[in-house]
Amino acid sequence: MKKLILIALFVQICQPQDFGFAYYSITDYRSFGVSYNVQRFAPLSTNVLADSQSIQFSTALPLIEYREINSRIAIGYQQYSLAKKTLSSFSVFLESGNDFPLTGREQRNGLFIPLVLSANYVKAETPYKQTRNFDIGSLGVGTGVKYRILTKEFGIYIAAKGTLHFSNVGFGTEYGSMSTAVGEIQFILPNILNDGMIFGYRYERQQWNMNDSSLDYERYYHGPYIGIFF
């Protein structure tokens, strides 16, 4: 009888336990999706070029996006008209990081301080022979604040982040800096469309300050995105 009781206790202990935590797999998703963004690319006030010689466009920015809980890869391409010519712009965004709870102990829900590693590349063509194409890659780190709620059926996070980058022109020797400010809200729905889906809204502003001030530009974009788990 004692052996049966011990075996029963052992089986019970070895069974998966909840311990009050939310369902773990909601943080392990991988999603593939798209976003459609309003965009504005224009010179900063420090740019030495006249407005008639600078790159300016406001065409929509569609992005193909891969996302995990703290990671994002996005690629975008669009065309625009300037000086009666059809030109193109290409963008790549890479972001990853980790969240640290403000309480100082491990937790799944509440306020967090995110540590962000970020890289991006942006190229935009100019129609003017006496000026340069915008062709800049950047690598940086940042932080901010994030509020997160995760349950078995639903997840949400709201984040505000800032990042400072080292920027390089055309992978050459010219350099400068870039800063970004991001605001985002994301909803995670693990029980929809088989494996689940995410949707949300993102705002991002980028500012480049380069040694060659003719490359001082800013861009903001914002719009909704949607992704399917796989």
C-alpha atoms as a PDB file:
ATOM      1  CA  MET A   1       0.000   0.000   0.000  1.00  0.00           C
ATOM      2  CA  LYS A   2       2.827   2.399   0.873  1.00  0.00           C
ATOM      3  CA  LYS A   3       4.509   1.602  -2.444  1.00  0.00           C
ATOM      4  CA  LEU A   4       1.302   2.419  -4.334  1.00  0.00           C
ATOM      5  CA  ILE A   5       1.021   5.745  -2.504  1.00  0.00           C
ATOM      6  CA  LEU A   6       4.662   6.611  -3.275  1.00  0.00           C
ATOM      7  CA  ILE A   7       4.213   5.682  -6.947  1.00  0.00           C
ATOM      8  CA  ALA A   8       1.077   7.829  -7.158  1.00  0.00           C
ATOM      9  CA  LEU A   9       2.912  10.785  -5.601  1.00  0.00           C
ATOM     10  CA  PHE A  10       5.853  10.330  -7.976  1.00  0.00           C
ATOM     11  CA  VAL A  11       3.567  10.267 -11.031  1.00  0.00           C
ATOM     12  CA  GLN A  12       1.773  13.396  -9.815  1.00  0.00           C
ATOM     13  CA  ILE A  13       5.056  15.266  -9.299  1.00  0.00           C
ATOM     14  CA  CYS A  14       6.328  14.285 -12.748  1.00  0.00           C
ATOM     15  CA  GLN A  15       3.232  15.561 -14.518  1.00  0.00           C
ATOM     16  CA  PRO A  16       3.475  19.027 -16.140  1.00  0.00           C
ATOM     17  CA  GLN A  17       2.691  21.712 -13.603  1.00  0.00           C
ATOM     18  CA  ASP A  18       1.237  25.197 -14.139  1.00  0.00           C
ATOM     19  CA  PHE A  19       2.621  26.924 -11.011  1.00  0.00           C
ATOM     20  CA  GLY A  20       0.483  29.955 -11.831  1.00  0.00           C
ATOM     21  CA  PHE A  21       2.376  30.949 -14.979  1.00  0.00           C
ATOM     22  CA  ALA A  22       0.756  31.759 -18.300  1.00  0.00           C
ATOM     23  CA  TYR A  23       0.940  29.184 -21.075  1.00  0.00           C
ATOM     24  CA  TYR A  24       4.588  29.226 -22.111  1.00  0.00           C
ATOM     25  CA  SER A  25       4.225  28.682 -25.854  1.00  0.00           C
ATOM     26  CA  ILE A  26       2.669  32.107 -26.452  1.00  0.00           C
ATOM     27  CA  THR A  27       6.187  33.556 -26.140  1.00  0.00           C
ATOM     28  CA  ASP A  28       7.681  31.045 -28.585  1.00  0.00           C
ATOM     29  CA  TYR A  29       5.812  32.058 -31.717  1.00  0.00           C
ATOM     30  CA  ARG A  30       7.274  32.729 -35.144  1.00  0.00           C
ATOM     31  CA  SER A  31       5.188  34.780 -37.540  1.00  0.00           C
ATOM     32  CA  PHE A  32       5.390  35.852 -41.154  1.00  0.00           C
ATOM     33  CA  GLY A  33       3.344  38.800 -42.333  1.00  0.00           C
ATOM     34  CA  VAL A  34       3.089  42.235 -43.891  1.00  0.00           C
ATOM     35  CA  SER A  35       2.680  45.864 -42.877  1.00  0.00           C
ATOM     36  CA  TYR A  36       1.493  48.892 -44.816  1.00  0.00           C
ATOM     37  CA  ASN A  37       2.848  52.247 -43.695  1.00  0.00           C
ATOM     38  CA  VAL A  38       2.386  55.940 -44.284  1.00  0.00           C
ATOM     39  CA  GLN A  39       5.859  57.368 -44.841  1.00  0.00           C
ATOM     40  CA  ARG A  40       7.710  60.674 -45.135  1.00  0.00           C
ATOM     41  CA  PHE A  41      11.386  60.966 -46.148  1.00  0.00           C
ATOM     42  CA  ALA A  42      12.813  64.511 -46.113  1.00  0.00           C
ATOM     43  CA  PRO A  43      15.984  66.516 -45.306  1.00  0.00           C
ATOM     44  CA  LEU A  44      16.742  67.702 -41.789  1.00  0.00           C
ATOM     45  CA  SER A  45      17.200  71.402 -41.102  1.00  0.00           C
ATOM     46  CA  THR A  46      20.975  70.730 -40.917  1.00  0.00           C
ATOM     47  CA  ASN A  47      21.048  69.460 -44.506  1.00  0.00           C
ATOM     48  CA  VAL A  48      23.037  71.906 -46.674  1.00  0.00           C
ATOM     49  CA  LEU A  49      21.162  71.051 -49.862  1.00  0.00           C
ATOM     50  CA  ALA A  50      18.412  73.278 -51.165  1.00  0.00           C
ATOM     51  CA  ASP A  51      14.971  71.714 -51.098  1.00  0.00           C
ATOM     52  CA  SER A  52      15.030  71.593 -54.892  1.00  0.00           C
ATOM     53  CA  GLN A  53      18.150  69.373 -54.762  1.00  0.00           C
ATOM     54  CA  SER A  54      17.279  67.060 -51.869  1.00  0.00           C
ATOM     55  CA  ILE A  55      15.521  63.700 -51.778  1.00  0.00           C
ATOM     56  CA  GLN A  56      11.910  63.988 -50.646  1.00  0.00           C
ATOM     57  CA  PHE A  57       9.049  61.538 -51.029  1.00  0.00           C
ATOM     58  CA  SER A  58       5.884  60.434 -49.257  1.00  0.00           C
ATOM     59  CA  THR A  59       4.933  57.191 -50.991  1.00  0.00           C
ATOM     60  CA  ALA A  60       3.585  54.302 -48.926  1.00  0.00           C
ATOM     61  CA  LEU A  61       6.086  51.863 -47.411  1.00  0.00           C
ATOM     62  CA  PRO A  62       4.956  48.208 -47.602  1.00  0.00           C
ATOM     63  CA  LEU A  63       7.068  45.772 -45.579  1.00  0.00           C
ATOM     64  CA  ILE A  64       7.405  42.000 -45.449  1.00  0.00           C
ATOM     65  CA  GLU A  65       7.980  41.096 -41.796  1.00  0.00           C
ATOM     66  CA  TYR A  66       9.240  38.127 -39.782  1.00  0.00           C
ATOM     67  CA  ARG A  67       8.609  38.442 -36.043  1.00  0.00           C
ATOM     68  CA  GLU A  68       9.287  36.639 -32.788  1.00  0.00           C
ATOM     69  CA  ILE A  69       8.445  37.852 -29.275  1.00  0.00           C
ATOM     70  CA  ASN A  70      11.474  40.208 -29.118  1.00  0.00           C
ATOM     71  CA  SER A  71      12.764  40.094 -32.692  1.00  0.00           C
ATOM     72  CA  ARG A  72      11.840  41.637 -36.029  1.00  0.00           C
ATOM     73  CA  ILE A  73      13.156  41.409 -39.577  1.00  0.00           C
ATOM     74  CA  ALA A  74      11.472  43.676 -42.135  1.00  0.00           C
ATOM     75  CA  ILE A  75      12.222  44.371 -45.794  1.00  0.00           C
ATOM     76  CA  GLY A  76      10.601  47.085 -47.886  1.00  0.00           C
ATOM     77  CA  TYR A  77      10.765  48.481 -51.406  1.00  0.00           C
ATOM     78  CA  GLN A  78       8.894  51.351 -53.014  1.00  0.00           C
ATOM     79  CA  GLN A  79       9.064  53.674 -55.992  1.00  0.00           C
ATOM     80  CA  TYR A  80       8.582  57.438 -56.054  1.00  0.00           C
ATOM     81  CA  SER A  81       8.703  60.304 -58.535  1.00  0.00           C
ATOM     82  CA  LEU A  82      11.160  63.185 -58.255  1.00  0.00           C
ATOM     83  CA  ALA A  83      12.180  65.694 -60.932  1.00  0.00           C
ATOM     84  CA  LYS A  84       9.954  63.818 -63.398  1.00  0.00           C
ATOM     85  CA  LYS A  85      11.911  60.597 -62.868  1.00  0.00           C
ATOM     86  CA  THR A  86      10.793  57.310 -61.339  1.00  0.00           C
ATOM     87  CA  LEU A  87      13.183  56.306 -58.564  1.00  0.00           C
ATOM     88  CA  SER A  88      13.287  53.600 -55.910  1.00  0.00           C
ATOM     89  CA  SER A  89      14.076  53.111 -52.237  1.00  0.00           C
ATOM     90  CA  PHE A  90      15.056  49.919 -50.413  1.00  0.00           C
ATOM     91  CA  SER A  91      14.992  49.320 -46.643  1.00  0.00           C
ATOM     92  CA  VAL A  92      16.037  46.507 -44.298  1.00  0.00           C
ATOM     93  CA  PHE A  93      15.327  46.485 -40.544  1.00  0.00           C
ATOM     94  CA  LEU A  94      16.803  44.010 -38.027  1.00  0.00           C
ATOM     95  CA  GLU A  95      15.941  44.124 -34.336  1.00  0.00           C
ATOM     96  CA  SER A  96      16.414  41.764 -31.402  1.00  0.00           C
ATOM     97  CA  GLY A  97      16.750  41.994 -27.640  1.00  0.00           C
ATOM     98  CA  ASN A  98      15.541  40.959 -24.224  1.00  0.00           C
ATOM     99  CA  ASP A  99      13.159  42.268 -21.559  1.00  0.00           C
ATOM    100  CA  PHE A 100      14.185  42.818 -17.935  1.00  0.00           C
ATOM    101  CA  PRO A 101      11.421  43.082 -15.297  1.00  0.00           C
ATOM    102  CA  LEU A 102      11.344  46.246 -13.216  1.00  0.00           C
ATOM    103  CA  THR A 103      10.731  44.162 -10.100  1.00  0.00           C
ATOM    104  CA  GLY A 104      14.195  42.627 -10.369  1.00  0.00           C
ATOM    105  CA  ARG A 105      12.873  39.062 -10.485  1.00  0.00           C
ATOM    106  CA  GLU A 106      11.650  36.833 -13.274  1.00  0.00           C
ATOM    107  CA  GLN A 107       8.079  37.507 -14.289  1.00  0.00           C
ATOM    108  CA  ARG A 108       5.839  37.165 -17.335  1.00  0.00           C
ATOM    109  CA  ASN A 109       3.507  40.129 -16.954  1.00  0.00           C
ATOM    110  CA  GLY A 110       3.918  43.764 -15.953  1.00  0.00           C
ATOM    111  CA  LEU A 111       6.474  46.483 -16.681  1.00  0.00           C
ATOM    112  CA  PHE A 112       9.816  45.700 -18.323  1.00  0.00           C
ATOM    113  CA  ILE A 113      12.946  47.505 -19.473  1.00  0.00           C
ATOM    114  CA  PRO A 114      13.824  46.235 -22.973  1.00  0.00           C
ATOM    115  CA  LEU A 115      17.429  46.065 -24.169  1.00  0.00           C
ATOM    116  CA  VAL A 116      17.445  46.410 -27.955  1.00  0.00           C
ATOM    117  CA  LEU A 117      20.085  45.591 -30.575  1.00  0.00           C
ATOM    118  CA  SER A 118      19.221  47.161 -33.909  1.00  0.00           C
ATOM    119  CA  ALA A 119      20.593  47.307 -37.445  1.00  0.00           C
ATOM    120  CA  ASN A 120      19.154  48.823 -40.589  1.00  0.00           C
ATOM    121  CA  TYR A 121      20.046  49.729 -44.131  1.00  0.00           C
ATOM    122  CA  VAL A 122      18.323  52.381 -46.249  1.00  0.00           C
ATOM    123  CA  LYS A 123      18.988  53.348 -49.850  1.00  0.00           C
ATOM    124  CA  ALA A 124      17.111  56.101 -51.713  1.00  0.00           C
ATOM    125  CA  GLU A 125      17.984  57.348 -55.181  1.00  0.00           C
ATOM    126  CA  THR A 126      18.404  60.963 -56.251  1.00  0.00           C
ATOM    127  CA  PRO A 127      17.723  62.286 -59.760  1.00  0.00           C
ATOM    128  CA  TYR A 128      20.245  65.113 -59.420  1.00  0.00           C
ATOM    129  CA  LYS A 129      23.702  64.454 -60.867  1.00  0.00           C
ATOM    130  CA  GLN A 130      25.456  66.869 -58.508  1.00  0.00           C
ATOM    131  CA  THR A 131      24.092  65.160 -55.367  1.00  0.00           C
ATOM    132  CA  ARG A 132      24.515  61.715 -53.834  1.00  0.00           C
ATOM    133  CA  ASN A 133      22.223  58.773 -53.395  1.00  0.00           C
ATOM    134  CA  PHE A 134      21.267  58.116 -49.792  1.00  0.00           C
ATOM    135  CA  ASP A 135      23.025  54.805 -49.028  1.00  0.00           C
ATOM    136  CA  ILE A 136      23.535  54.258 -45.290  1.00  0.00           C
ATOM    137  CA  GLY A 137      23.788  51.282 -42.942  1.00  0.00           C
ATOM    138  CA  SER A 138      23.472  51.640 -39.165  1.00  0.00           C
ATOM    139  CA  LEU A 139      24.119  49.530 -36.068  1.00  0.00           C
ATOM    140  CA  GLY A 140      22.978  50.510 -32.580  1.00  0.00           C
ATOM    141  CA  VAL A 141      21.627  49.764 -29.119  1.00  0.00           C
ATOM    142  CA  GLY A 142      18.668  51.150 -27.241  1.00  0.00           C
ATOM    143  CA  THR A 143      16.201  50.812 -24.422  1.00  0.00           C
ATOM    144  CA  GLY A 144      12.807  52.057 -23.274  1.00  0.00           C
ATOM    145  CA  VAL A 145       9.803  50.748 -21.390  1.00  0.00           C
ATOM    146  CA  LYS A 146       7.372  47.933 -22.164  1.00  0.00           C
ATOM    147  CA  TYR A 147       4.131  46.749 -20.592  1.00  0.00           C
ATOM    148  CA  ARG A 148       3.250  43.115 -21.245  1.00  0.00           C
ATOM    149  CA  ILE A 149       0.350  40.772 -20.459  1.00  0.00           C
ATOM    150  CA  LEU A 150       0.459  37.100 -21.505  1.00  0.00           C
ATOM    151  CA  THR A 151      -2.225  34.477 -20.873  1.00  0.00           C
ATOM    152  CA  LYS A 152      -3.157  31.167 -22.488  1.00  0.00           C
ATOM    153  CA  GLU A 153      -5.652  32.801 -24.826  1.00  0.00           C
ATOM    154  CA  PHE A 154      -4.242  36.271 -25.419  1.00  0.00           C
ATOM    155  CA  GLY A 155      -1.141  38.427 -25.333  1.00  0.00           C
ATOM    156  CA  ILE A 156      -0.575  42.171 -25.567  1.00  0.00           C
ATOM    157  CA  TYR A 157       2.376  44.469 -25.255  1.00  0.00           C
ATOM    158  CA  ILE A 158       2.810  48.204 -25.506  1.00  0.00           C
ATOM    159  CA  ALA A 159       6.325  49.585 -25.945  1.00  0.00           C
ATOM    160  CA  ALA A 160       8.169  52.883 -26.334  1.00  0.00           C
ATOM    161  CA  LYS A 161      11.844  52.605 -27.285  1.00  0.00           C
ATOM    162  CA  GLY A 162      14.746  54.773 -28.379  1.00  0.00           C
ATOM    163  CA  THR A 163      17.937  53.638 -30.130  1.00  0.00           C
ATOM    164  CA  LEU A 164      21.242  55.326 -30.972  1.00  0.00           C
ATOM    165  CA  HIS A 165      23.203  54.003 -33.968  1.00  0.00           C
ATOM    166  CA  PHE A 166      26.622  54.303 -35.533  1.00  0.00           C
ATOM    167  CA  SER A 167      26.064  54.916 -39.254  1.00  0.00           C
ATOM    168  CA  ASN A 168      28.256  54.262 -42.260  1.00  0.00           C
ATOM    169  CA  VAL A 169      27.913  55.581 -45.826  1.00  0.00           C
ATOM    170  CA  GLY A 170      27.925  52.894 -48.505  1.00  0.00           C
ATOM    171  CA  PHE A 171      30.008  50.539 -46.328  1.00  0.00           C
ATOM    172  CA  GLY A 172      32.922  52.968 -46.761  1.00  0.00           C
ATOM    173  CA  THR A 173      34.892  55.248 -44.440  1.00  0.00           C
ATOM    174  CA  GLU A 174      32.359  58.074 -44.043  1.00  0.00           C
ATOM    175  CA  TYR A 175      30.337  57.893 -40.870  1.00  0.00           C
ATOM    176  CA  GLY A 176      27.814  59.610 -38.626  1.00  0.00           C
ATOM    177  CA  SER A 177      24.985  58.764 -36.267  1.00  0.00           C
ATOM    178  CA  MET A 178      21.357  57.853 -36.434  1.00  0.00           C
ATOM    179  CA  SER A 179      18.649  57.946 -33.750  1.00  0.00           C
ATOM    180  CA  THR A 180      15.280  56.222 -33.733  1.00  0.00           C
ATOM    181  CA  ALA A 181      12.133  56.565 -31.646  1.00  0.00           C
ATOM    182  CA  VAL A 182       9.573  53.755 -31.733  1.00  0.00           C
ATOM    183  CA  GLY A 183       6.080  53.341 -30.327  1.00  0.00           C
ATOM    184  CA  GLU A 184       4.257  50.067 -30.823  1.00  0.00           C
ATOM    185  CA  ILE A 185       1.275  48.029 -29.683  1.00  0.00           C
ATOM    186  CA  GLN A 186       0.994  44.325 -30.485  1.00  0.00           C
ATOM    187  CA  PHE A 187      -1.737  41.738 -29.931  1.00  0.00           C
ATOM    188  CA  ILE A 188      -0.978  37.999 -29.891  1.00  0.00           C
ATOM    189  CA  LEU A 189      -3.849  35.571 -30.600  1.00  0.00           C
ATOM    190  CA  PRO A 190      -2.605  31.960 -30.354  1.00  0.00           C
ATOM    191  CA  ASN A 191      -5.954  30.243 -31.022  1.00  0.00           C
ATOM    192  CA  ILE A 192      -6.919  31.863 -34.335  1.00  0.00           C
ATOM    193  CA  LEU A 193      -6.242  30.478 -37.829  1.00  0.00           C
ATOM    194  CA  ASN A 194      -4.827  27.170 -36.617  1.00  0.00           C
ATOM    195  CA  ASP A 195      -1.503  28.102 -34.937  1.00  0.00           C
ATOM    196  CA  GLY A 196      -2.319  31.753 -34.246  1.00  0.00           C
ATOM    197  CA  MET A 197      -1.694  35.279 -35.462  1.00  0.00           C
ATOM    198  CA  ILE A 198      -0.464  38.706 -34.388  1.00  0.00           C
ATOM    199  CA  PHE A 199      -1.554  42.179 -35.361  1.00  0.00           C
ATOM    200  CA  GLY A 200      -0.599  45.631 -34.219  1.00  0.00           C
ATOM    201  CA  TYR A 201       0.479  49.164 -35.069  1.00  0.00           C
ATOM    202  CA  ARG A 202       3.983  50.642 -35.177  1.00  0.00           C
ATOM    203  CA  TYR A 203       5.337  54.193 -35.380  1.00  0.00           C
ATOM    204  CA  GLU A 204       9.028  54.820 -36.036  1.00  0.00           C
ATOM    205  CA  ARG A 205      11.019  58.003 -36.625  1.00  0.00           C
ATOM    206  CA  GLN A 206      14.611  57.855 -37.912  1.00  0.00           C
ATOM    207  CA  GLN A 207      17.087  60.759 -38.042  1.00  0.00           C
ATOM    208  CA  TRP A 208      20.527  60.650 -39.674  1.00  0.00           C
ATOM    209  CA  ASN A 209      23.275  63.146 -38.800  1.00  0.00           C
ATOM    210  CA  MET A 210      26.301  62.445 -40.977  1.00  0.00           C
ATOM    211  CA  ASN A 211      29.743  64.016 -41.417  1.00  0.00           C
ATOM    212  CA  ASP A 212      28.581  64.999 -44.878  1.00  0.00           C
ATOM    213  CA  SER A 213      25.578  67.099 -43.941  1.00  0.00           C
ATOM    214  CA  SER A 214      24.079  66.686 -47.414  1.00  0.00           C
ATOM    215  CA  LEU A 215      23.073  63.247 -46.089  1.00  0.00           C
ATOM    216  CA  ASP A 216      21.249  64.590 -43.019  1.00  0.00           C
ATOM    217  CA  TYR A 217      17.735  63.225 -43.435  1.00  0.00           C
ATOM    218  CA  GLU A 218      14.813  62.014 -41.406  1.00  0.00           C
ATOM    219  CA  ARG A 219      12.099  59.494 -42.072  1.00  0.00           C
ATOM    220  CA  TYR A 220       8.979  58.564 -40.197  1.00  0.00           C
ATOM    221  CA  TYR A 221       6.586  55.782 -41.009  1.00  0.00           C
ATOM    222  CA  HIS A 222       3.612  54.289 -39.231  1.00  0.00           C
ATOM    223  CA  GLY A 223       0.965  51.730 -39.999  1.00  0.00           C
ATOM    224  CA  PRO A 224      -0.712  48.416 -39.134  1.00  0.00           C
ATOM    225  CA  TYR A 225       0.800  44.979 -39.513  1.00  0.00           C
ATOM    226  CA  ILE A 226      -0.520  41.428 -39.409  1.00  0.00           C
ATOM    227  CA  GLY A 227       1.261  38.088 -39.216  1.00  0.00           C
ATOM    228  CA  ILE A 228       0.412  34.380 -39.220  1.00  0.00           C
ATOM    229  CA  PHE A 229       2.150  31.860 -36.935  1.00  0.00           C
ATOM    230  CA  PHE A 230       4.035  28.978 -38.509  1.00  0.00           C
END
